[in-house]
């Protein structure tokens, strides 16, 4: 392969990564990997279920940019390679198809129960959001379902399989809905210009931020109390930290509230995957 061809190939990969919403995709994948490790899944199963979730997230990210291509172009989204026509639609569709096949195969490698939950409720919810629910007051439902079932995707991949505790699923669902609300905030103006009106848009910026913060605090409390019904030392420290961050999220100015909310989300992930162990 010539230097020019190599450069073109690398550029295409970079653009594909950019169209895959790689940040959120990797964040969800990391949560699954941590859950797999703390749940003591055998190495092969931990690797397979983590790779399956990454593949599923890639299909959701690419699907989102395919669906929103014209809308992103309308509002001048320069960070969207499909909207700027730097990336060909056929390339993204091919990548989505390959990722979809990989997602199904990898999911089935760890058993039909985990596969059914992951493909039907996790990946299915993501595409339902992209295609229909994003523009409705029910936009939060796919996030509650997809995040709430992530622990089950992991525990059902174990041998013997088992369902996760209810507190873990509820905490993960609250975290997912909060993530939806926080993710919507930067795009309010562009969404309003193109007729996207999910639940966060109907609530408005201020109430969306307050509700997201409340959900993150709720997720923290559930994750801290869930494993034993009481507070351990590290769980107590985490809740004190969350309380301080919640004050900043609710009363701060500028970028501080969003940064504080993201920090609470990171504490929640730690509570779910590490402290809960």
C-alpha atoms as a PDB file:
ATOM      1  CA  UNK A   1       0.000   0.000   0.000  1.00  0.00           C
ATOM      2  CA  UNK A   2       1.378   3.407  -0.992  1.00  0.00           C
ATOM      3  CA  UNK A   3       1.853   6.235   1.504  1.00  0.00           C
ATOM      4  CA  UNK A   4      -1.061   8.092  -0.080  1.00  0.00           C
ATOM      5  CA  UNK A   5      -3.352   5.068   0.185  1.00  0.00           C
ATOM      6  CA  UNK A   6      -2.290   4.524   3.800  1.00  0.00           C
ATOM      7  CA  UNK A   7      -3.072   8.158   4.590  1.00  0.00           C
ATOM      8  CA  UNK A   8      -6.514   7.878   2.989  1.00  0.00           C
ATOM      9  CA  UNK A   9      -7.233   4.652   4.879  1.00  0.00           C
ATOM     10  CA  UNK A  10      -6.212   6.165   8.213  1.00  0.00           C
ATOM     11  CA  UNK A  11      -8.303   9.231   7.494  1.00  0.00           C
ATOM     12  CA  UNK A  12     -11.340   7.087   6.786  1.00  0.00           C
ATOM     13  CA  UNK A  13     -10.879   5.160  10.015  1.00  0.00           C
ATOM     14  CA  UNK A  14     -10.565   8.429  11.943  1.00  0.00           C
ATOM     15  CA  UNK A  15     -13.778   9.701  10.405  1.00  0.00           C
ATOM     16  CA  UNK A  16     -15.555   6.422  11.120  1.00  0.00           C
ATOM     17  CA  UNK A  17     -14.488   6.646  14.746  1.00  0.00           C
ATOM     18  CA  UNK A  18     -15.747  10.207  14.841  1.00  0.00           C
ATOM     19  CA  UNK A  19     -19.147   9.123  13.542  1.00  0.00           C
ATOM     20  CA  UNK A  20     -19.468   6.339  16.123  1.00  0.00           C
ATOM     21  CA  UNK A  21     -19.956   8.567  19.200  1.00  0.00           C
ATOM     22  CA  UNK A  22     -16.811   6.910  20.443  1.00  0.00           C
ATOM     23  CA  UNK A  23     -16.704   8.677  23.820  1.00  0.00           C
ATOM     24  CA  UNK A  24     -20.055   7.381  25.112  1.00  0.00           C
ATOM     25  CA  UNK A  25     -19.440   4.018  23.402  1.00  0.00           C
ATOM     26  CA  UNK A  26     -16.166   3.515  25.239  1.00  0.00           C
ATOM     27  CA  UNK A  27     -17.679   4.735  28.515  1.00  0.00           C
ATOM     28  CA  UNK A  28     -20.450   2.125  28.395  1.00  0.00           C
ATOM     29  CA  UNK A  29     -17.940  -0.538  27.355  1.00  0.00           C
ATOM     30  CA  UNK A  30     -15.688   0.339  30.290  1.00  0.00           C
ATOM     31  CA  UNK A  31     -18.592  -0.013  32.708  1.00  0.00           C
ATOM     32  CA  UNK A  32     -19.297  -3.490  31.333  1.00  0.00           C
ATOM     33  CA  UNK A  33     -15.631  -4.469  31.560  1.00  0.00           C
ATOM     34  CA  UNK A  34     -15.486  -3.351  35.204  1.00  0.00           C
ATOM     35  CA  UNK A  35     -18.706  -5.213  35.967  1.00  0.00           C
ATOM     36  CA  UNK A  36     -17.332  -8.342  34.295  1.00  0.00           C
ATOM     37  CA  UNK A  37     -14.150  -8.148  36.361  1.00  0.00           C
ATOM     38  CA  UNK A  38     -15.889  -7.471  39.670  1.00  0.00           C
ATOM     39  CA  UNK A  39     -18.421 -10.228  38.962  1.00  0.00           C
ATOM     40  CA  UNK A  40     -15.504 -12.636  38.434  1.00  0.00           C
ATOM     41  CA  UNK A  41     -16.476 -13.721  34.943  1.00  0.00           C
ATOM     42  CA  UNK A  42     -14.006 -16.151  33.344  1.00  0.00           C
ATOM     43  CA  UNK A  43     -11.545 -14.235  31.118  1.00  0.00           C
ATOM     44  CA  UNK A  44     -12.957 -15.498  27.807  1.00  0.00           C
ATOM     45  CA  UNK A  45     -16.521 -14.636  28.778  1.00  0.00           C
ATOM     46  CA  UNK A  46     -15.492 -11.248  30.173  1.00  0.00           C
ATOM     47  CA  UNK A  47     -13.696 -10.425  26.917  1.00  0.00           C
ATOM     48  CA  UNK A  48     -16.565 -11.662  24.736  1.00  0.00           C
ATOM     49  CA  UNK A  49     -19.327  -9.794  26.560  1.00  0.00           C
ATOM     50  CA  UNK A  50     -17.234  -6.599  26.642  1.00  0.00           C
ATOM     51  CA  UNK A  51     -16.502  -6.838  22.918  1.00  0.00           C
ATOM     52  CA  UNK A  52     -20.179  -7.567  22.200  1.00  0.00           C
ATOM     53  CA  UNK A  53     -21.242  -4.425  24.053  1.00  0.00           C
ATOM     54  CA  UNK A  54     -18.639  -2.324  22.226  1.00  0.00           C
ATOM     55  CA  UNK A  55     -19.874  -3.652  18.871  1.00  0.00           C
ATOM     56  CA  UNK A  56     -23.465  -2.904  19.856  1.00  0.00           C
ATOM     57  CA  UNK A  57     -22.569   0.622  20.922  1.00  0.00           C
ATOM     58  CA  UNK A  58     -20.842   1.213  17.598  1.00  0.00           C
ATOM     59  CA  UNK A  59     -24.002   0.237  15.710  1.00  0.00           C
ATOM     60  CA  UNK A  60     -26.016   2.676  17.823  1.00  0.00           C
ATOM     61  CA  UNK A  61     -23.527   5.497  17.268  1.00  0.00           C
ATOM     62  CA  UNK A  62     -23.322   4.982  13.515  1.00  0.00           C
ATOM     63  CA  UNK A  63     -27.063   4.512  13.317  1.00  0.00           C
ATOM     64  CA  UNK A  64     -27.580   7.816  15.105  1.00  0.00           C
ATOM     65  CA  UNK A  65     -25.412   9.750  12.673  1.00  0.00           C
ATOM     66  CA  UNK A  66     -27.050   8.072   9.677  1.00  0.00           C
ATOM     67  CA  UNK A  67     -30.519   8.992  10.902  1.00  0.00           C
ATOM     68  CA  UNK A  68     -29.465  12.547  11.812  1.00  0.00           C
ATOM     69  CA  UNK A  69     -27.324  13.217   8.731  1.00  0.00           C
ATOM     70  CA  UNK A  70     -29.651  15.752   7.110  1.00  0.00           C
ATOM     71  CA  UNK A  71     -30.538  17.392  10.425  1.00  0.00           C
ATOM     72  CA  UNK A  72     -26.863  17.767  11.346  1.00  0.00           C
ATOM     73  CA  UNK A  73     -26.183  19.293   7.941  1.00  0.00           C
ATOM     74  CA  UNK A  74     -29.060  21.729   8.416  1.00  0.00           C
ATOM     75  CA  UNK A  75     -27.599  23.132  11.630  1.00  0.00           C
ATOM     76  CA  UNK A  76     -24.010  23.130  10.337  1.00  0.00           C
ATOM     77  CA  UNK A  77     -22.519  20.421  12.569  1.00  0.00           C
ATOM     78  CA  UNK A  78     -18.878  20.479  11.464  1.00  0.00           C
ATOM     79  CA  UNK A  79     -18.045  17.656  13.899  1.00  0.00           C
ATOM     80  CA  UNK A  80     -20.264  15.228  11.980  1.00  0.00           C
ATOM     81  CA  UNK A  81     -18.366  13.720   9.012  1.00  0.00           C
ATOM     82  CA  UNK A  82     -21.555  12.395   7.411  1.00  0.00           C
ATOM     83  CA  UNK A  83     -23.109  15.856   7.530  1.00  0.00           C
ATOM     84  CA  UNK A  84     -19.997  17.473   6.062  1.00  0.00           C
ATOM     85  CA  UNK A  85     -19.806  14.704   3.426  1.00  0.00           C
ATOM     86  CA  UNK A  86     -16.241  13.853   4.431  1.00  0.00           C
ATOM     87  CA  UNK A  87     -17.484  10.322   4.987  1.00  0.00           C
ATOM     88  CA  UNK A  88     -19.551   8.355   2.516  1.00  0.00           C
ATOM     89  CA  UNK A  89     -22.889   6.973   3.690  1.00  0.00           C
ATOM     90  CA  UNK A  90     -22.164   3.580   2.126  1.00  0.00           C
ATOM     91  CA  UNK A  91     -18.983   3.236   4.213  1.00  0.00           C
ATOM     92  CA  UNK A  92     -20.881   3.880   7.459  1.00  0.00           C
ATOM     93  CA  UNK A  93     -23.653   1.467   6.496  1.00  0.00           C
ATOM     94  CA  UNK A  94     -21.081  -1.240   5.748  1.00  0.00           C
ATOM     95  CA  UNK A  95     -19.334  -0.615   9.082  1.00  0.00           C
ATOM     96  CA  UNK A  96     -22.664  -0.721  10.900  1.00  0.00           C
ATOM     97  CA  UNK A  97     -23.549  -4.043   9.247  1.00  0.00           C
ATOM     98  CA  UNK A  98     -20.198  -5.603  10.175  1.00  0.00           C
ATOM     99  CA  UNK A  99     -20.464  -4.344  13.753  1.00  0.00           C
ATOM    100  CA  UNK A 100     -23.995  -5.712  13.928  1.00  0.00           C
ATOM    101  CA  UNK A 101     -22.866  -9.165  12.833  1.00  0.00           C
ATOM    102  CA  UNK A 102     -19.998  -9.084  15.334  1.00  0.00           C
ATOM    103  CA  UNK A 103     -22.395  -7.981  18.069  1.00  0.00           C
ATOM    104  CA  UNK A 104     -24.749 -10.920  17.439  1.00  0.00           C
ATOM    105  CA  UNK A 105     -21.955 -13.503  17.215  1.00  0.00           C
ATOM    106  CA  UNK A 106     -20.122 -12.253  20.304  1.00  0.00           C
ATOM    107  CA  UNK A 107     -23.344 -12.008  22.295  1.00  0.00           C
ATOM    108  CA  UNK A 108     -24.303 -15.579  21.473  1.00  0.00           C
ATOM    109  CA  UNK A 109     -20.849 -16.830  22.493  1.00  0.00           C
ATOM    110  CA  UNK A 110     -21.735 -16.170  26.137  1.00  0.00           C
ATOM    111  CA  UNK A 111     -25.194 -17.732  26.003  1.00  0.00           C
ATOM    112  CA  UNK A 112     -28.646 -17.005  24.671  1.00  0.00           C
ATOM    113  CA  UNK A 113     -29.894 -15.397  27.886  1.00  0.00           C
ATOM    114  CA  UNK A 114     -27.265 -12.670  27.932  1.00  0.00           C
ATOM    115  CA  UNK A 115     -27.612 -12.308  24.153  1.00  0.00           C
ATOM    116  CA  UNK A 116     -31.387 -11.874  24.341  1.00  0.00           C
ATOM    117  CA  UNK A 117     -31.109  -9.150  26.976  1.00  0.00           C
ATOM    118  CA  UNK A 118     -28.257  -7.377  25.229  1.00  0.00           C
ATOM    119  CA  UNK A 119     -29.624  -7.523  21.691  1.00  0.00           C
ATOM    120  CA  UNK A 120     -33.308  -7.139  22.497  1.00  0.00           C
ATOM    121  CA  UNK A 121     -33.238  -4.624  25.345  1.00  0.00           C
ATOM    122  CA  UNK A 122     -29.808  -2.989  25.141  1.00  0.00           C
ATOM    123  CA  UNK A 123     -29.023  -2.556  21.454  1.00  0.00           C
ATOM    124  CA  UNK A 124     -32.701  -2.600  20.519  1.00  0.00           C
ATOM    125  CA  UNK A 125     -33.421   0.306  22.875  1.00  0.00           C
ATOM    126  CA  UNK A 126     -30.573   2.312  21.400  1.00  0.00           C
ATOM    127  CA  UNK A 127     -31.914   1.996  17.879  1.00  0.00           C
ATOM    128  CA  UNK A 128     -35.491   2.636  19.033  1.00  0.00           C
ATOM    129  CA  UNK A 129     -34.228   5.923  20.469  1.00  0.00           C
ATOM    130  CA  UNK A 130     -32.483   6.849  17.215  1.00  0.00           C
ATOM    131  CA  UNK A 131     -35.421   5.996  14.972  1.00  0.00           C
ATOM    132  CA  UNK A 132     -38.493   7.015  16.979  1.00  0.00           C
ATOM    133  CA  UNK A 133     -38.279   7.901  20.651  1.00  0.00           C
ATOM    134  CA  UNK A 134     -35.679  10.670  20.431  1.00  0.00           C
ATOM    135  CA  UNK A 135     -38.379  13.097  19.344  1.00  0.00           C
ATOM    136  CA  UNK A 136     -40.960  12.165  21.977  1.00  0.00           C
ATOM    137  CA  UNK A 137     -41.564  12.631  25.690  1.00  0.00           C
ATOM    138  CA  UNK A 138     -40.507   8.970  26.059  1.00  0.00           C
ATOM    139  CA  UNK A 139     -36.924   9.695  25.011  1.00  0.00           C
ATOM    140  CA  UNK A 140     -35.682   8.661  28.473  1.00  0.00           C
ATOM    141  CA  UNK A 141     -37.101   5.118  28.299  1.00  0.00           C
ATOM    142  CA  UNK A 142     -34.391   3.577  26.050  1.00  0.00           C
ATOM    143  CA  UNK A 143     -31.698   4.855  28.412  1.00  0.00           C
ATOM    144  CA  UNK A 144     -33.461   3.464  31.469  1.00  0.00           C
ATOM    145  CA  UNK A 145     -33.895   0.079  29.788  1.00  0.00           C
ATOM    146  CA  UNK A 146     -30.457  -0.152  28.168  1.00  0.00           C
ATOM    147  CA  UNK A 147     -28.487   0.960  31.223  1.00  0.00           C
ATOM    148  CA  UNK A 148     -30.749  -0.884  33.640  1.00  0.00           C
ATOM    149  CA  UNK A 149     -30.147  -4.178  31.861  1.00  0.00           C
ATOM    150  CA  UNK A 150     -26.352  -3.808  31.508  1.00  0.00           C
ATOM    151  CA  UNK A 151     -25.685  -5.644  34.795  1.00  0.00           C
ATOM    152  CA  UNK A 152     -27.899  -8.524  33.600  1.00  0.00           C
ATOM    153  CA  UNK A 153     -25.970  -8.738  30.317  1.00  0.00           C
ATOM    154  CA  UNK A 154     -22.892  -9.432  32.424  1.00  0.00           C
ATOM    155  CA  UNK A 155     -24.304 -11.742  35.104  1.00  0.00           C
ATOM    156  CA  UNK A 156     -26.267 -13.818  32.582  1.00  0.00           C
ATOM    157  CA  UNK A 157     -22.984 -14.430  30.754  1.00  0.00           C
ATOM    158  CA  UNK A 158     -21.575 -16.159  33.838  1.00  0.00           C
ATOM    159  CA  UNK A 159     -21.540 -19.913  34.501  1.00  0.00           C
ATOM    160  CA  UNK A 160     -23.828 -20.616  36.199  1.00  0.00           C
ATOM    161  CA  UNK A 161     -25.850 -17.629  35.050  1.00  0.00           C
ATOM    162  CA  UNK A 162     -27.649 -15.460  37.573  1.00  0.00           C
ATOM    163  CA  UNK A 163     -29.652 -12.251  37.643  1.00  0.00           C
ATOM    164  CA  UNK A 164     -28.083  -9.147  39.184  1.00  0.00           C
ATOM    165  CA  UNK A 165     -29.495  -7.709  42.408  1.00  0.00           C
ATOM    166  CA  UNK A 166     -32.400  -5.303  41.884  1.00  0.00           C
ATOM    167  CA  UNK A 167     -30.562  -2.374  43.464  1.00  0.00           C
ATOM    168  CA  UNK A 168     -27.804  -2.632  40.844  1.00  0.00           C
ATOM    169  CA  UNK A 169     -30.251  -2.530  37.934  1.00  0.00           C
ATOM    170  CA  UNK A 170     -32.230   0.380  39.403  1.00  0.00           C
ATOM    171  CA  UNK A 171     -29.078   2.387  40.101  1.00  0.00           C
ATOM    172  CA  UNK A 172     -27.792   1.737  36.567  1.00  0.00           C
ATOM    173  CA  UNK A 173     -31.158   2.792  35.089  1.00  0.00           C
ATOM    174  CA  UNK A 174     -31.124   6.073  37.041  1.00  0.00           C
ATOM    175  CA  UNK A 175     -27.568   6.692  35.847  1.00  0.00           C
ATOM    176  CA  UNK A 176     -28.631   6.061  32.243  1.00  0.00           C
ATOM    177  CA  UNK A 177     -31.530   8.518  32.333  1.00  0.00           C
ATOM    178  CA  UNK A 178     -29.288  11.138  33.946  1.00  0.00           C
ATOM    179  CA  UNK A 179     -26.745  10.580  31.161  1.00  0.00           C
ATOM    180  CA  UNK A 180     -29.485  11.196  28.576  1.00  0.00           C
ATOM    181  CA  UNK A 181     -30.447  14.471  30.243  1.00  0.00           C
ATOM    182  CA  UNK A 182     -26.853  15.678  30.522  1.00  0.00           C
ATOM    183  CA  UNK A 183     -26.044  14.665  26.944  1.00  0.00           C
ATOM    184  CA  UNK A 184     -29.039  16.637  25.645  1.00  0.00           C
ATOM    185  CA  UNK A 185     -28.019  19.940  27.260  1.00  0.00           C
ATOM    186  CA  UNK A 186     -25.272  20.981  24.798  1.00  0.00           C
ATOM    187  CA  UNK A 187     -27.541  20.310  21.796  1.00  0.00           C
ATOM    188  CA  UNK A 188     -30.666  22.165  22.958  1.00  0.00           C
ATOM    189  CA  UNK A 189     -30.455  24.947  20.366  1.00  0.00           C
ATOM    190  CA  UNK A 190     -29.657  22.648  17.430  1.00  0.00           C
ATOM    191  CA  UNK A 191     -32.404  20.236  18.468  1.00  0.00           C
ATOM    192  CA  UNK A 192     -34.942  23.051  18.764  1.00  0.00           C
ATOM    193  CA  UNK A 193     -34.047  24.264  15.275  1.00  0.00           C
ATOM    194  CA  UNK A 194     -34.724  20.836  13.768  1.00  0.00           C
ATOM    195  CA  UNK A 195     -37.840  19.811  15.692  1.00  0.00           C
ATOM    196  CA  UNK A 196     -36.307  17.356  18.168  1.00  0.00           C
ATOM    197  CA  UNK A 197     -38.327  17.517  21.365  1.00  0.00           C
ATOM    198  CA  UNK A 198     -37.450  14.771  23.826  1.00  0.00           C
ATOM    199  CA  UNK A 199     -38.263  14.937  27.507  1.00  0.00           C
ATOM    200  CA  UNK A 200     -35.245  17.131  28.399  1.00  0.00           C
ATOM    201  CA  UNK A 201     -36.284  19.706  25.790  1.00  0.00           C
ATOM    202  CA  UNK A 202     -39.820  19.765  27.176  1.00  0.00           C
ATOM    203  CA  UNK A 203     -38.521  20.314  30.694  1.00  0.00           C
ATOM    204  CA  UNK A 204     -36.115  23.103  29.731  1.00  0.00           C
ATOM    205  CA  UNK A 205     -32.471  23.633  30.630  1.00  0.00           C
ATOM    206  CA  UNK A 206     -32.877  24.437  34.312  1.00  0.00           C
ATOM    207  CA  UNK A 207     -35.234  21.607  35.188  1.00  0.00           C
ATOM    208  CA  UNK A 208     -33.250  19.171  33.053  1.00  0.00           C
ATOM    209  CA  UNK A 209     -30.100  19.981  34.997  1.00  0.00           C
ATOM    210  CA  UNK A 210     -31.899  19.665  38.339  1.00  0.00           C
ATOM    211  CA  UNK A 211     -33.538  16.351  37.419  1.00  0.00           C
ATOM    212  CA  UNK A 212     -30.255  14.948  36.088  1.00  0.00           C
ATOM    213  CA  UNK A 213     -28.475  15.888  39.307  1.00  0.00           C
ATOM    214  CA  UNK A 214     -31.252  14.358  41.415  1.00  0.00           C
ATOM    215  CA  UNK A 215     -31.085  11.115  39.423  1.00  0.00           C
ATOM    216  CA  UNK A 216     -27.317  10.945  39.838  1.00  0.00           C
ATOM    217  CA  UNK A 217     -27.631  11.426  43.587  1.00  0.00           C
ATOM    218  CA  UNK A 218     -30.363   8.766  43.706  1.00  0.00           C
ATOM    219  CA  UNK A 219     -28.150   6.352  41.759  1.00  0.00           C
ATOM    220  CA  UNK A 220     -25.328   7.052  44.209  1.00  0.00           C
ATOM    221  CA  UNK A 221     -27.467   6.395  47.285  1.00  0.00           C
ATOM    222  CA  UNK A 222     -28.875   3.161  45.868  1.00  0.00           C
ATOM    223  CA  UNK A 223     -25.423   1.908  44.855  1.00  0.00           C
ATOM    224  CA  UNK A 224     -23.957   2.854  48.233  1.00  0.00           C
ATOM    225  CA  UNK A 225     -26.679   1.186  50.308  1.00  0.00           C
ATOM    226  CA  UNK A 226     -27.523  -1.717  48.001  1.00  0.00           C
ATOM    227  CA  UNK A 227     -24.810  -4.310  48.636  1.00  0.00           C
ATOM    228  CA  UNK A 228     -25.214  -4.568  52.405  1.00  0.00           C
ATOM    229  CA  UNK A 229     -28.168  -2.371  53.262  1.00  0.00           C
ATOM    230  CA  UNK A 230     -25.830  -0.060  55.175  1.00  0.00           C
ATOM    231  CA  UNK A 231     -22.943   2.297  54.578  1.00  0.00           C
ATOM    232  CA  UNK A 232     -19.396   1.041  54.398  1.00  0.00           C
ATOM    233  CA  UNK A 233     -16.464   3.385  54.868  1.00  0.00           C
ATOM    234  CA  UNK A 234     -15.781   3.974  51.189  1.00  0.00           C
ATOM    235  CA  UNK A 235     -19.472   4.241  50.354  1.00  0.00           C
ATOM    236  CA  UNK A 236     -19.861   6.923  53.013  1.00  0.00           C
ATOM    237  CA  UNK A 237     -16.891   8.844  51.615  1.00  0.00           C
ATOM    238  CA  UNK A 238     -18.406   8.582  48.129  1.00  0.00           C
ATOM    239  CA  UNK A 239     -21.767   9.941  49.298  1.00  0.00           C
ATOM    240  CA  UNK A 240     -20.128  12.897  51.027  1.00  0.00           C
ATOM    241  CA  UNK A 241     -18.309  13.651  47.779  1.00  0.00           C
ATOM    242  CA  UNK A 242     -21.551  13.294  45.809  1.00  0.00           C
ATOM    243  CA  UNK A 243     -23.355  15.682  48.170  1.00  0.00           C
ATOM    244  CA  UNK A 244     -20.703  18.353  47.619  1.00  0.00           C
ATOM    245  CA  UNK A 245     -20.755  17.884  43.866  1.00  0.00           C
ATOM    246  CA  UNK A 246     -24.568  18.015  43.845  1.00  0.00           C
ATOM    247  CA  UNK A 247     -24.473  21.468  45.452  1.00  0.00           C
ATOM    248  CA  UNK A 248     -22.139  22.651  42.692  1.00  0.00           C
ATOM    249  CA  UNK A 249     -24.331  21.050  40.018  1.00  0.00           C
ATOM    250  CA  UNK A 250     -27.456  22.722  41.368  1.00  0.00           C
ATOM    251  CA  UNK A 251     -26.098  26.193  42.166  1.00  0.00           C
ATOM    252  CA  UNK A 252     -22.900  26.673  40.168  1.00  0.00           C
ATOM    253  CA  UNK A 253     -22.433  28.849  37.109  1.00  0.00           C
ATOM    254  CA  UNK A 254     -20.794  28.431  33.733  1.00  0.00           C
ATOM    255  CA  UNK A 255     -19.384  24.988  33.025  1.00  0.00           C
ATOM    256  CA  UNK A 256     -19.093  24.028  36.701  1.00  0.00           C
ATOM    257  CA  UNK A 257     -22.572  22.402  37.022  1.00  0.00           C
ATOM    258  CA  UNK A 258     -22.010  20.122  34.028  1.00  0.00           C
ATOM    259  CA  UNK A 259     -18.505  19.191  35.214  1.00  0.00           C
ATOM    260  CA  UNK A 260     -19.878  18.428  38.692  1.00  0.00           C
ATOM    261  CA  UNK A 261     -22.640  16.253  37.252  1.00  0.00           C
ATOM    262  CA  UNK A 262     -20.133  14.294  35.179  1.00  0.00           C
ATOM    263  CA  UNK A 263     -18.011  13.820  38.307  1.00  0.00           C
ATOM    264  CA  UNK A 264     -21.044  12.425  40.160  1.00  0.00           C
ATOM    265  CA  UNK A 265     -21.609  10.007  37.283  1.00  0.00           C
ATOM    266  CA  UNK A 266     -18.011   8.789  37.623  1.00  0.00           C
ATOM    267  CA  UNK A 267     -18.517   8.253  41.363  1.00  0.00           C
ATOM    268  CA  UNK A 268     -21.695   6.291  40.566  1.00  0.00           C
ATOM    269  CA  UNK A 269     -19.786   4.035  38.191  1.00  0.00           C
ATOM    270  CA  UNK A 270     -17.170   3.419  40.871  1.00  0.00           C
ATOM    271  CA  UNK A 271     -19.894   2.581  43.394  1.00  0.00           C
ATOM    272  CA  UNK A 272     -21.540   0.169  40.970  1.00  0.00           C
ATOM    273  CA  UNK A 273     -18.411  -1.622  39.813  1.00  0.00           C
ATOM    274  CA  UNK A 274     -15.735  -1.319  42.491  1.00  0.00           C
ATOM    275  CA  UNK A 275     -17.057  -0.263  45.886  1.00  0.00           C
ATOM    276  CA  UNK A 276     -20.035  -2.637  45.560  1.00  0.00           C
ATOM    277  CA  UNK A 277     -17.616  -5.543  45.364  1.00  0.00           C
END
